[in-house]
Amino acid sequence: METILEASQEVTNVLALPQFIADFGDSLLESVRSGNPPIYDGKSDAARNQVMEQLLRKPFGAQRETVQAVTKLLVDHDQPAAVINAEMGTGKTMMAIATAAVMHAEGFRRTLVISPPHLVYKWRREIKQTIPNAIVTILNGPDTLRKLLALRGMQANAGTAGLPVLWRAVMDACCSRQRIEIQT
């Protein structure tokens, strides 16, 4: 039979949150860990580290760990996307460029990074300062198709597999777009 409490009746089996955490925190944490095991366990892949060593600008230790974690998620666990969420000044651009370089070394032809338009030239500058022999082309305006066809022709003549990295900045106004394409 269903019990209905009157407003005047006191509920005595209520735990305060700090007491609940103290009583059940360990088992809750274990349940979360077993249901959601971490993808990256802190063990670096030597081949990926070697790719980062060949960059003109080397990522710092914490940045390397992020690149390792992101590439493990994208490559080893075949996930379609990853997010690097960090404070300003932590090197998110560097980590994304290093991730793209590692993925290119592992056979991925393209990487898409969505960036605000005011950062397009910053991306180009940092790519050129980081990836040896990178060719960066900014595609924007009515001659975009011509530039794409020219890039395809350069690839066919050079025998390369394709554009390894593709950056795109979505403009605020009227669906105008800028693209930065990098060939290494």
N, C-alpha and C. Protein backbone atom coordinates (compact mmCIF):
# COMPACT_ATOMS: atom_id res chain seq x y z
N MET A 1 0.84 -1.17 0.00
CA MET A 1 0.00 0.00 0.00
C MET A 1 0.89 1.24 0.00
N GLU A 2 0.50 2.25 -0.68
CA GLU A 2 1.27 3.48 -0.85
C GLU A 2 1.15 4.37 0.39
N THR A 3 2.29 4.91 0.80
CA THR A 3 2.30 5.80 1.95
C THR A 3 2.39 7.23 1.48
N ILE A 4 1.51 8.04 1.96
CA ILE A 4 1.51 9.46 1.61
C ILE A 4 1.87 10.24 2.86
N LEU A 5 2.87 11.11 2.75
CA LEU A 5 3.31 11.91 3.89
C LEU A 5 2.53 13.22 3.94
N GLU A 6 2.13 13.55 5.08
CA GLU A 6 1.49 14.84 5.30
C GLU A 6 2.57 15.91 5.38
N ALA A 7 2.25 17.13 5.08
CA ALA A 7 3.21 18.22 5.14
C ALA A 7 3.78 18.38 6.54
N SER A 8 3.06 18.01 7.52
CA SER A 8 3.53 18.18 8.90
C SER A 8 4.43 17.02 9.34
N GLN A 9 4.47 15.91 8.58
CA GLN A 9 5.31 14.78 8.96
C GLN A 9 6.76 15.06 8.58
N GLU A 10 7.66 14.63 9.43
CA GLU A 10 9.09 14.85 9.22
C GLU A 10 9.71 13.64 8.53
N VAL A 11 10.54 13.90 7.52
CA VAL A 11 11.26 12.83 6.84
C VAL A 11 12.57 12.64 7.58
N THR A 12 12.83 11.42 8.02
CA THR A 12 14.02 11.18 8.85
C THR A 12 15.14 10.46 8.11
N ASN A 13 14.91 9.98 6.92
CA ASN A 13 15.95 9.23 6.21
C ASN A 13 16.64 10.07 5.12
N VAL A 14 16.88 11.33 5.37
CA VAL A 14 17.55 12.23 4.43
C VAL A 14 18.99 12.42 4.89
N LEU A 15 19.93 12.27 3.92
CA LEU A 15 21.34 12.51 4.21
C LEU A 15 21.74 13.86 3.63
N ALA A 16 22.53 14.59 4.36
CA ALA A 16 23.10 15.82 3.83
C ALA A 16 24.13 15.43 2.77
N LEU A 17 24.32 16.28 1.76
CA LEU A 17 25.23 15.97 0.67
C LEU A 17 26.64 15.63 1.16
N PRO A 18 27.25 16.40 2.05
CA PRO A 18 28.60 16.02 2.51
C PRO A 18 28.63 14.62 3.15
N GLN A 19 27.59 14.27 3.87
CA GLN A 19 27.54 12.94 4.48
C GLN A 19 27.35 11.85 3.41
N PHE A 20 26.51 12.14 2.42
CA PHE A 20 26.30 11.20 1.31
C PHE A 20 27.62 10.92 0.59
N ILE A 21 28.37 11.99 0.30
CA ILE A 21 29.67 11.83 -0.38
C ILE A 21 30.63 11.04 0.50
N ALA A 22 30.66 11.35 1.78
CA ALA A 22 31.54 10.62 2.70
C ALA A 22 31.16 9.14 2.76
N ASP A 23 29.87 8.83 2.77
CA ASP A 23 29.42 7.45 2.88
C ASP A 23 29.55 6.67 1.58
N PHE A 24 29.25 7.29 0.46
CA PHE A 24 29.15 6.56 -0.80
C PHE A 24 30.14 7.02 -1.89
N GLY A 25 30.99 8.00 -1.59
CA GLY A 25 31.87 8.59 -2.59
C GLY A 25 32.79 7.60 -3.27
N ASP A 26 33.42 6.71 -2.50
CA ASP A 26 34.35 5.74 -3.08
C ASP A 26 33.66 4.80 -4.05
N SER A 27 32.49 4.29 -3.68
CA SER A 27 31.78 3.37 -4.58
C SER A 27 31.23 4.10 -5.80
N LEU A 28 30.81 5.35 -5.64
CA LEU A 28 30.35 6.13 -6.79
C LEU A 28 31.50 6.39 -7.76
N LEU A 29 32.66 6.76 -7.23
CA LEU A 29 33.83 7.01 -8.07
C LEU A 29 34.23 5.74 -8.82
N GLU A 30 34.24 4.61 -8.16
CA GLU A 30 34.59 3.35 -8.81
C GLU A 30 33.59 3.00 -9.91
N SER A 31 32.33 3.26 -9.67
CA SER A 31 31.30 3.01 -10.67
C SER A 31 31.51 3.89 -11.90
N VAL A 32 31.81 5.17 -11.69
CA VAL A 32 32.07 6.09 -12.81
C VAL A 32 33.31 5.64 -13.57
N ARG A 33 34.37 5.29 -12.85
CA ARG A 33 35.62 4.85 -13.51
C ARG A 33 35.41 3.57 -14.32
N SER A 34 34.67 2.62 -13.80
CA SER A 34 34.49 1.38 -14.54
C SER A 34 33.57 1.58 -15.74
N GLY A 35 32.63 2.47 -15.65
CA GLY A 35 31.72 2.74 -16.77
C GLY A 35 32.30 3.68 -17.81
N ASN A 36 33.30 4.46 -17.44
CA ASN A 36 33.91 5.45 -18.34
C ASN A 36 35.42 5.42 -18.18
N PRO A 37 36.06 4.36 -18.64
CA PRO A 37 37.52 4.30 -18.47
C PRO A 37 38.21 5.38 -19.30
N PRO A 38 39.33 5.90 -18.81
CA PRO A 38 40.03 6.94 -19.57
C PRO A 38 40.59 6.37 -20.88
N ILE A 39 40.62 7.20 -21.90
CA ILE A 39 41.17 6.80 -23.20
C ILE A 39 42.70 6.83 -23.14
N TYR A 40 43.23 7.88 -22.56
CA TYR A 40 44.69 8.06 -22.51
C TYR A 40 45.16 7.80 -21.09
N ASP A 41 46.11 6.90 -20.95
CA ASP A 41 46.59 6.49 -19.63
C ASP A 41 47.94 7.08 -19.27
N GLY A 42 48.40 8.06 -20.05
CA GLY A 42 49.68 8.70 -19.75
C GLY A 42 50.88 8.04 -20.41
N LYS A 43 50.67 6.95 -21.13
CA LYS A 43 51.76 6.25 -21.82
C LYS A 43 51.87 6.80 -23.23
N SER A 44 52.97 7.52 -23.48
CA SER A 44 53.16 8.17 -24.77
C SER A 44 53.53 7.17 -25.85
N ASP A 45 53.08 7.43 -27.07
CA ASP A 45 53.43 6.65 -28.23
C ASP A 45 54.74 7.21 -28.79
N ALA A 46 55.76 6.38 -28.90
CA ALA A 46 57.09 6.84 -29.31
C ALA A 46 57.09 7.42 -30.73
N ALA A 47 56.36 6.81 -31.64
CA ALA A 47 56.32 7.30 -33.02
C ALA A 47 55.69 8.70 -33.08
N ARG A 48 54.68 8.92 -32.27
CA ARG A 48 54.04 10.25 -32.24
C ARG A 48 54.98 11.27 -31.63
N ASN A 49 55.72 10.89 -30.61
CA ASN A 49 56.72 11.79 -30.04
C ASN A 49 57.79 12.14 -31.07
N GLN A 50 58.17 11.16 -31.89
CA GLN A 50 59.18 11.40 -32.92
C GLN A 50 58.70 12.43 -33.94
N VAL A 51 57.43 12.36 -34.31
CA VAL A 51 56.86 13.35 -35.24
C VAL A 51 56.94 14.74 -34.61
N MET A 52 56.59 14.84 -33.33
CA MET A 52 56.63 16.15 -32.66
C MET A 52 58.06 16.66 -32.53
N GLU A 53 59.01 15.76 -32.42
CA GLU A 53 60.43 16.17 -32.36
C GLU A 53 60.90 16.77 -33.67
N GLN A 54 60.28 16.40 -34.77
CA GLN A 54 60.68 16.90 -36.08
C GLN A 54 60.04 18.24 -36.43
N LEU A 55 59.14 18.72 -35.60
CA LEU A 55 58.53 20.02 -35.85
C LEU A 55 59.55 21.13 -35.59
N LEU A 56 59.42 22.23 -36.28
CA LEU A 56 60.34 23.35 -36.09
C LEU A 56 60.17 23.98 -34.71
N ARG A 57 58.95 24.03 -34.23
CA ARG A 57 58.68 24.48 -32.86
C ARG A 57 58.14 23.27 -32.13
N LYS A 58 58.73 22.95 -30.99
CA LYS A 58 58.37 21.74 -30.25
C LYS A 58 57.33 22.06 -29.18
N PRO A 59 56.31 21.21 -29.04
CA PRO A 59 55.35 21.41 -27.96
C PRO A 59 56.00 21.16 -26.60
N PHE A 60 55.54 21.88 -25.58
CA PHE A 60 55.98 21.64 -24.21
C PHE A 60 55.41 20.32 -23.72
N GLY A 61 55.88 19.85 -22.57
CA GLY A 61 55.46 18.56 -22.03
C GLY A 61 53.96 18.37 -21.92
N ALA A 62 53.27 19.32 -21.29
CA ALA A 62 51.82 19.19 -21.12
C ALA A 62 51.12 19.25 -22.48
N GLN A 63 51.66 20.03 -23.41
CA GLN A 63 51.09 20.09 -24.75
C GLN A 63 51.27 18.76 -25.47
N ARG A 64 52.43 18.13 -25.30
CA ARG A 64 52.68 16.80 -25.89
C ARG A 64 51.67 15.78 -25.38
N GLU A 65 51.43 15.84 -24.08
CA GLU A 65 50.47 14.89 -23.48
C GLU A 65 49.08 15.09 -24.07
N THR A 66 48.70 16.35 -24.29
CA THR A 66 47.40 16.63 -24.90
C THR A 66 47.36 16.09 -26.33
N VAL A 67 48.42 16.31 -27.09
CA VAL A 67 48.50 15.79 -28.46
C VAL A 67 48.40 14.27 -28.45
N GLN A 68 49.11 13.64 -27.52
CA GLN A 68 49.05 12.17 -27.41
C GLN A 68 47.62 11.72 -27.12
N ALA A 69 46.95 12.40 -26.18
CA ALA A 69 45.59 12.02 -25.80
C ALA A 69 44.62 12.22 -26.97
N VAL A 70 44.73 13.36 -27.65
CA VAL A 70 43.83 13.65 -28.76
C VAL A 70 44.04 12.66 -29.90
N THR A 71 45.29 12.38 -30.25
CA THR A 71 45.53 11.44 -31.36
C THR A 71 45.13 10.02 -30.97
N LYS A 72 45.27 9.67 -29.72
CA LYS A 72 44.80 8.34 -29.29
C LYS A 72 43.29 8.24 -29.47
N LEU A 73 42.58 9.29 -29.11
CA LEU A 73 41.12 9.32 -29.27
C LEU A 73 40.74 9.24 -30.75
N LEU A 74 41.37 10.07 -31.58
CA LEU A 74 41.01 10.16 -32.98
C LEU A 74 41.47 8.96 -33.80
N VAL A 75 42.69 8.51 -33.56
CA VAL A 75 43.28 7.45 -34.39
C VAL A 75 42.99 6.07 -33.80
N ASP A 76 43.41 5.84 -32.57
CA ASP A 76 43.30 4.51 -31.98
C ASP A 76 41.87 4.12 -31.65
N HIS A 77 41.05 5.10 -31.30
CA HIS A 77 39.66 4.82 -30.94
C HIS A 77 38.67 5.28 -32.01
N ASP A 78 39.19 5.71 -33.17
CA ASP A 78 38.38 6.03 -34.35
C ASP A 78 37.22 6.98 -34.06
N GLN A 79 37.47 7.99 -33.25
CA GLN A 79 36.44 8.99 -32.97
C GLN A 79 36.50 10.08 -34.04
N PRO A 80 35.37 10.67 -34.41
CA PRO A 80 35.35 11.63 -35.51
C PRO A 80 35.84 13.03 -35.15
N ALA A 81 35.93 13.35 -33.86
CA ALA A 81 36.32 14.70 -33.47
C ALA A 81 36.89 14.69 -32.06
N ALA A 82 37.62 15.74 -31.76
CA ALA A 82 38.16 15.95 -30.42
C ALA A 82 38.12 17.44 -30.14
N VAL A 83 38.04 17.79 -28.87
CA VAL A 83 38.02 19.18 -28.46
C VAL A 83 39.19 19.41 -27.52
N ILE A 84 39.98 20.44 -27.81
CA ILE A 84 41.02 20.88 -26.90
C ILE A 84 40.47 22.14 -26.23
N ASN A 85 40.12 22.02 -24.98
CA ASN A 85 39.53 23.14 -24.23
C ASN A 85 40.54 23.55 -23.17
N ALA A 86 41.09 24.75 -23.31
CA ALA A 86 42.12 25.21 -22.37
C ALA A 86 42.07 26.72 -22.27
N GLU A 87 42.74 27.24 -21.26
CA GLU A 87 42.80 28.68 -21.03
C GLU A 87 43.58 29.38 -22.14
N MET A 88 43.35 30.67 -22.28
CA MET A 88 44.08 31.49 -23.23
C MET A 88 45.57 31.44 -22.88
N GLY A 89 46.40 31.28 -23.89
CA GLY A 89 47.84 31.29 -23.68
C GLY A 89 48.45 29.93 -23.37
N THR A 90 47.64 28.87 -23.42
CA THR A 90 48.18 27.54 -23.11
C THR A 90 48.73 26.83 -24.35
N GLY A 91 48.53 27.40 -25.53
CA GLY A 91 49.08 26.81 -26.74
C GLY A 91 48.12 25.90 -27.48
N LYS A 92 46.84 26.25 -27.50
CA LYS A 92 45.86 25.42 -28.20
C LYS A 92 46.17 25.34 -29.69
N THR A 93 46.60 26.44 -30.28
CA THR A 93 46.95 26.44 -31.70
C THR A 93 48.12 25.49 -31.94
N MET A 94 49.13 25.58 -31.10
CA MET A 94 50.29 24.69 -31.22
C MET A 94 49.88 23.23 -31.08
N MET A 95 49.02 22.94 -30.11
CA MET A 95 48.59 21.56 -29.91
C MET A 95 47.80 21.04 -31.11
N ALA A 96 46.95 21.90 -31.70
CA ALA A 96 46.18 21.49 -32.87
C ALA A 96 47.09 21.25 -34.07
N ILE A 97 48.08 22.12 -34.26
CA ILE A 97 49.03 21.95 -35.36
C ILE A 97 49.84 20.67 -35.17
N ALA A 98 50.30 20.43 -33.96
CA ALA A 98 51.07 19.20 -33.68
C ALA A 98 50.20 17.97 -33.88
N THR A 99 48.93 18.04 -33.46
CA THR A 99 48.01 16.92 -33.67
C THR A 99 47.84 16.65 -35.16
N ALA A 100 47.67 17.71 -35.96
CA ALA A 100 47.53 17.55 -37.41
C ALA A 100 48.78 16.92 -38.01
N ALA A 101 49.96 17.33 -37.54
CA ALA A 101 51.22 16.76 -38.05
C ALA A 101 51.32 15.28 -37.70
N VAL A 102 50.97 14.92 -36.48
CA VAL A 102 51.02 13.51 -36.06
C VAL A 102 50.03 12.68 -36.88
N MET A 103 48.83 13.22 -37.05
CA MET A 103 47.83 12.47 -37.82
C MET A 103 48.23 12.34 -39.29
N HIS A 104 48.86 13.37 -39.83
CA HIS A 104 49.34 13.29 -41.22
C HIS A 104 50.39 12.18 -41.33
N ALA A 105 51.27 12.09 -40.36
CA ALA A 105 52.30 11.04 -40.36
C ALA A 105 51.67 9.65 -40.27
N GLU A 106 50.46 9.57 -39.73
CA GLU A 106 49.77 8.29 -39.59
C GLU A 106 48.80 8.03 -40.73
N GLY A 107 48.86 8.87 -41.79
CA GLY A 107 48.09 8.60 -42.99
C GLY A 107 46.82 9.39 -43.17
N PHE A 108 46.50 10.29 -42.26
CA PHE A 108 45.30 11.10 -42.41
C PHE A 108 45.61 12.27 -43.32
N ARG A 109 44.81 12.45 -44.35
CA ARG A 109 45.10 13.47 -45.35
C ARG A 109 44.62 14.85 -44.95
N ARG A 110 43.54 14.96 -44.19
CA ARG A 110 42.97 16.27 -43.89
C ARG A 110 42.57 16.37 -42.43
N THR A 111 42.70 17.58 -41.92
CA THR A 111 42.23 17.92 -40.58
C THR A 111 41.48 19.24 -40.71
N LEU A 112 40.36 19.36 -40.06
CA LEU A 112 39.57 20.58 -40.12
C LEU A 112 39.58 21.24 -38.75
N VAL A 113 39.99 22.50 -38.73
CA VAL A 113 39.97 23.30 -37.52
C VAL A 113 39.09 24.51 -37.81
N ILE A 114 38.07 24.73 -37.01
CA ILE A 114 37.20 25.88 -37.20
C ILE A 114 37.75 27.01 -36.34
N SER A 115 37.97 28.16 -36.96
CA SER A 115 38.62 29.28 -36.30
C SER A 115 37.92 30.58 -36.66
N PRO A 116 37.89 31.54 -35.74
CA PRO A 116 37.33 32.85 -36.10
C PRO A 116 38.19 33.52 -37.17
N PRO A 117 37.57 34.36 -38.00
CA PRO A 117 38.30 34.94 -39.13
C PRO A 117 39.51 35.77 -38.73
N HIS A 118 39.48 36.40 -37.56
CA HIS A 118 40.61 37.24 -37.18
C HIS A 118 41.85 36.42 -36.83
N LEU A 119 41.72 35.09 -36.76
CA LEU A 119 42.86 34.24 -36.44
C LEU A 119 43.43 33.50 -37.65
N VAL A 120 42.85 33.68 -38.84
CA VAL A 120 43.29 32.95 -40.02
C VAL A 120 44.78 33.17 -40.29
N TYR A 121 45.21 34.41 -40.25
CA TYR A 121 46.62 34.69 -40.58
C TYR A 121 47.56 34.28 -39.45
N LYS A 122 47.04 34.27 -38.23
CA LYS A 122 47.82 33.72 -37.10
C LYS A 122 48.05 32.23 -37.33
N TRP A 123 47.02 31.52 -37.75
CA TRP A 123 47.15 30.09 -38.05
C TRP A 123 48.20 29.88 -39.13
N ARG A 124 48.08 30.65 -40.22
CA ARG A 124 49.04 30.48 -41.32
C ARG A 124 50.46 30.70 -40.84
N ARG A 125 50.67 31.79 -40.09
CA ARG A 125 52.01 32.10 -39.57
C ARG A 125 52.53 30.97 -38.69
N GLU A 126 51.71 30.49 -37.77
CA GLU A 126 52.16 29.45 -36.84
C GLU A 126 52.36 28.11 -37.52
N ILE A 127 51.57 27.81 -38.53
CA ILE A 127 51.77 26.57 -39.29
C ILE A 127 53.12 26.61 -39.98
N LYS A 128 53.40 27.74 -40.66
CA LYS A 128 54.67 27.88 -41.38
C LYS A 128 55.87 27.86 -40.42
N GLN A 129 55.67 28.36 -39.20
CA GLN A 129 56.75 28.36 -38.22
C GLN A 129 56.92 27.01 -37.54
N THR A 130 55.98 26.09 -37.74
CA THR A 130 55.99 24.82 -37.01
C THR A 130 56.22 23.61 -37.90
N ILE A 131 55.54 23.54 -39.04
CA ILE A 131 55.62 22.35 -39.90
C ILE A 131 56.64 22.60 -41.01
N PRO A 132 57.69 21.78 -41.05
CA PRO A 132 58.71 21.97 -42.10
C PRO A 132 58.08 21.84 -43.49
N ASN A 133 58.43 22.75 -44.38
CA ASN A 133 58.01 22.73 -45.78
C ASN A 133 56.50 22.85 -45.99
N ALA A 134 55.79 23.40 -45.04
CA ALA A 134 54.34 23.56 -45.21
C ALA A 134 54.06 24.61 -46.27
N ILE A 135 53.11 24.30 -47.13
CA ILE A 135 52.62 25.25 -48.12
C ILE A 135 51.21 25.63 -47.68
N VAL A 136 50.98 26.91 -47.44
CA VAL A 136 49.70 27.36 -46.92
C VAL A 136 49.06 28.25 -47.97
N THR A 137 47.82 27.94 -48.32
CA THR A 137 47.05 28.73 -49.28
C THR A 137 45.75 29.14 -48.62
N ILE A 138 45.46 30.42 -48.62
CA ILE A 138 44.19 30.90 -48.08
C ILE A 138 43.22 31.00 -49.24
N LEU A 139 42.10 30.31 -49.09
CA LEU A 139 41.08 30.29 -50.13
C LEU A 139 39.92 31.16 -49.70
N ASN A 140 39.61 32.17 -50.51
CA ASN A 140 38.52 33.06 -50.20
C ASN A 140 38.14 33.82 -51.46
N GLY A 141 36.87 33.98 -51.71
CA GLY A 141 36.42 34.80 -52.82
C GLY A 141 36.09 34.01 -54.07
N PRO A 142 35.90 34.73 -55.19
CA PRO A 142 35.42 34.10 -56.42
C PRO A 142 36.45 33.18 -57.09
N ASP A 143 37.73 33.29 -56.73
CA ASP A 143 38.74 32.45 -57.37
C ASP A 143 39.05 31.19 -56.56
N THR A 144 38.21 30.85 -55.59
CA THR A 144 38.45 29.70 -54.73
C THR A 144 38.50 28.41 -55.53
N LEU A 145 37.56 28.19 -56.45
CA LEU A 145 37.54 26.98 -57.24
C LEU A 145 38.80 26.86 -58.09
N ARG A 146 39.23 27.97 -58.68
CA ARG A 146 40.46 27.95 -59.49
C ARG A 146 41.66 27.54 -58.63
N LYS A 147 41.75 28.09 -57.42
CA LYS A 147 42.85 27.75 -56.52
C LYS A 147 42.81 26.28 -56.12
N LEU A 148 41.60 25.77 -55.85
CA LEU A 148 41.47 24.35 -55.50
C LEU A 148 41.92 23.45 -56.65
N LEU A 149 41.52 23.80 -57.87
CA LEU A 149 41.93 23.01 -59.03
C LEU A 149 43.44 23.08 -59.23
N ALA A 150 44.03 24.25 -59.01
CA ALA A 150 45.48 24.38 -59.13
C ALA A 150 46.19 23.52 -58.08
N LEU A 151 45.66 23.51 -56.86
CA LEU A 151 46.25 22.68 -55.81
C LEU A 151 46.14 21.20 -56.17
N ARG A 152 45.00 20.80 -56.72
CA ARG A 152 44.83 19.41 -57.14
C ARG A 152 45.86 19.06 -58.22
N GLY A 153 46.06 19.97 -59.17
CA GLY A 153 47.05 19.73 -60.23
C GLY A 153 48.46 19.63 -59.68
N MET A 154 48.80 20.48 -58.71
CA MET A 154 50.14 20.41 -58.08
C MET A 154 50.32 19.06 -57.40
N GLN A 155 49.29 18.55 -56.77
CA GLN A 155 49.38 17.27 -56.08
C GLN A 155 49.57 16.14 -57.08
N ALA A 156 48.82 16.19 -58.17
CA ALA A 156 48.92 15.13 -59.17
C ALA A 156 50.33 15.10 -59.76
N ASN A 157 50.88 16.29 -60.02
CA ASN A 157 52.22 16.36 -60.59
C ASN A 157 53.30 15.95 -59.59
N ALA A 158 53.06 16.27 -58.31
CA ALA A 158 54.07 15.94 -57.29
C ALA A 158 53.90 14.52 -56.77
N GLY A 159 52.78 13.87 -57.11
CA GLY A 159 52.55 12.52 -56.65
C GLY A 159 52.20 12.42 -55.17
N THR A 160 51.72 13.50 -54.58
CA THR A 160 51.36 13.46 -53.16
C THR A 160 49.96 12.90 -53.01
N ALA A 161 49.67 12.41 -51.82
CA ALA A 161 48.40 11.75 -51.55
C ALA A 161 47.24 12.73 -51.43
N GLY A 162 47.49 13.96 -51.06
CA GLY A 162 46.41 14.92 -50.90
C GLY A 162 46.78 15.97 -49.89
N LEU A 163 45.90 16.91 -49.71
CA LEU A 163 46.15 17.96 -48.73
C LEU A 163 46.02 17.37 -47.34
N PRO A 164 47.09 17.39 -46.54
CA PRO A 164 47.02 16.76 -45.23
C PRO A 164 46.25 17.57 -44.20
N VAL A 165 46.22 18.87 -44.35
CA VAL A 165 45.59 19.69 -43.32
C VAL A 165 44.71 20.73 -43.99
N LEU A 166 43.52 20.89 -43.49
CA LEU A 166 42.61 21.90 -44.02
C LEU A 166 42.06 22.69 -42.85
N TRP A 167 42.35 23.98 -42.83
CA TRP A 167 41.81 24.86 -41.80
C TRP A 167 40.71 25.69 -42.41
N ARG A 168 39.66 25.92 -41.67
CA ARG A 168 38.56 26.73 -42.20
C ARG A 168 38.15 27.73 -41.14
N ALA A 169 38.05 28.97 -41.53
CA ALA A 169 37.54 30.01 -40.63
C ALA A 169 36.18 30.42 -41.15
N VAL A 170 35.19 30.28 -40.34
CA VAL A 170 33.83 30.66 -40.74
C VAL A 170 33.64 32.13 -40.42
N MET A 171 33.31 32.90 -41.42
CA MET A 171 33.14 34.34 -41.26
C MET A 171 31.79 34.62 -40.59
N ASP A 172 31.70 35.75 -39.91
CA ASP A 172 30.48 36.13 -39.23
C ASP A 172 29.37 36.50 -40.21
N ALA A 173 29.71 37.24 -41.24
CA ALA A 173 28.69 37.85 -42.08
C ALA A 173 28.37 37.00 -43.30
N CYS A 174 27.12 36.78 -43.54
CA CYS A 174 26.59 36.34 -44.84
C CYS A 174 27.23 35.07 -45.38
N CYS A 175 27.56 34.13 -44.55
CA CYS A 175 28.08 32.83 -44.97
C CYS A 175 29.35 32.93 -45.81
N SER A 176 30.08 34.01 -45.72
CA SER A 176 31.36 34.13 -46.40
C SER A 176 32.36 33.24 -45.67
N ARG A 177 33.27 32.62 -46.40
CA ARG A 177 34.21 31.68 -45.77
C ARG A 177 35.63 31.96 -46.22
N GLN A 178 36.56 31.65 -45.31
CA GLN A 178 37.98 31.63 -45.65
C GLN A 178 38.50 30.25 -45.32
N ARG A 179 39.33 29.72 -46.16
CA ARG A 179 39.93 28.43 -45.89
C ARG A 179 41.43 28.55 -46.02
N ILE A 180 42.10 27.86 -45.15
CA ILE A 180 43.56 27.78 -45.24
C ILE A 180 43.87 26.32 -45.52
N GLU A 181 44.57 26.04 -46.59
CA GLU A 181 44.95 24.67 -46.89
C GLU A 181 46.45 24.56 -46.82
N ILE A 182 46.90 23.49 -46.18
CA ILE A 182 48.33 23.30 -45.94
C ILE A 182 48.77 22.01 -46.60
N GLN A 183 49.83 22.07 -47.33
CA GLN A 183 50.39 20.87 -47.93
C GLN A 183 51.80 20.72 -47.39
N THR A 184 52.10 19.52 -46.87
CA THR A 184 53.47 19.25 -46.39
C THR A 184 54.13 18.23 -47.27
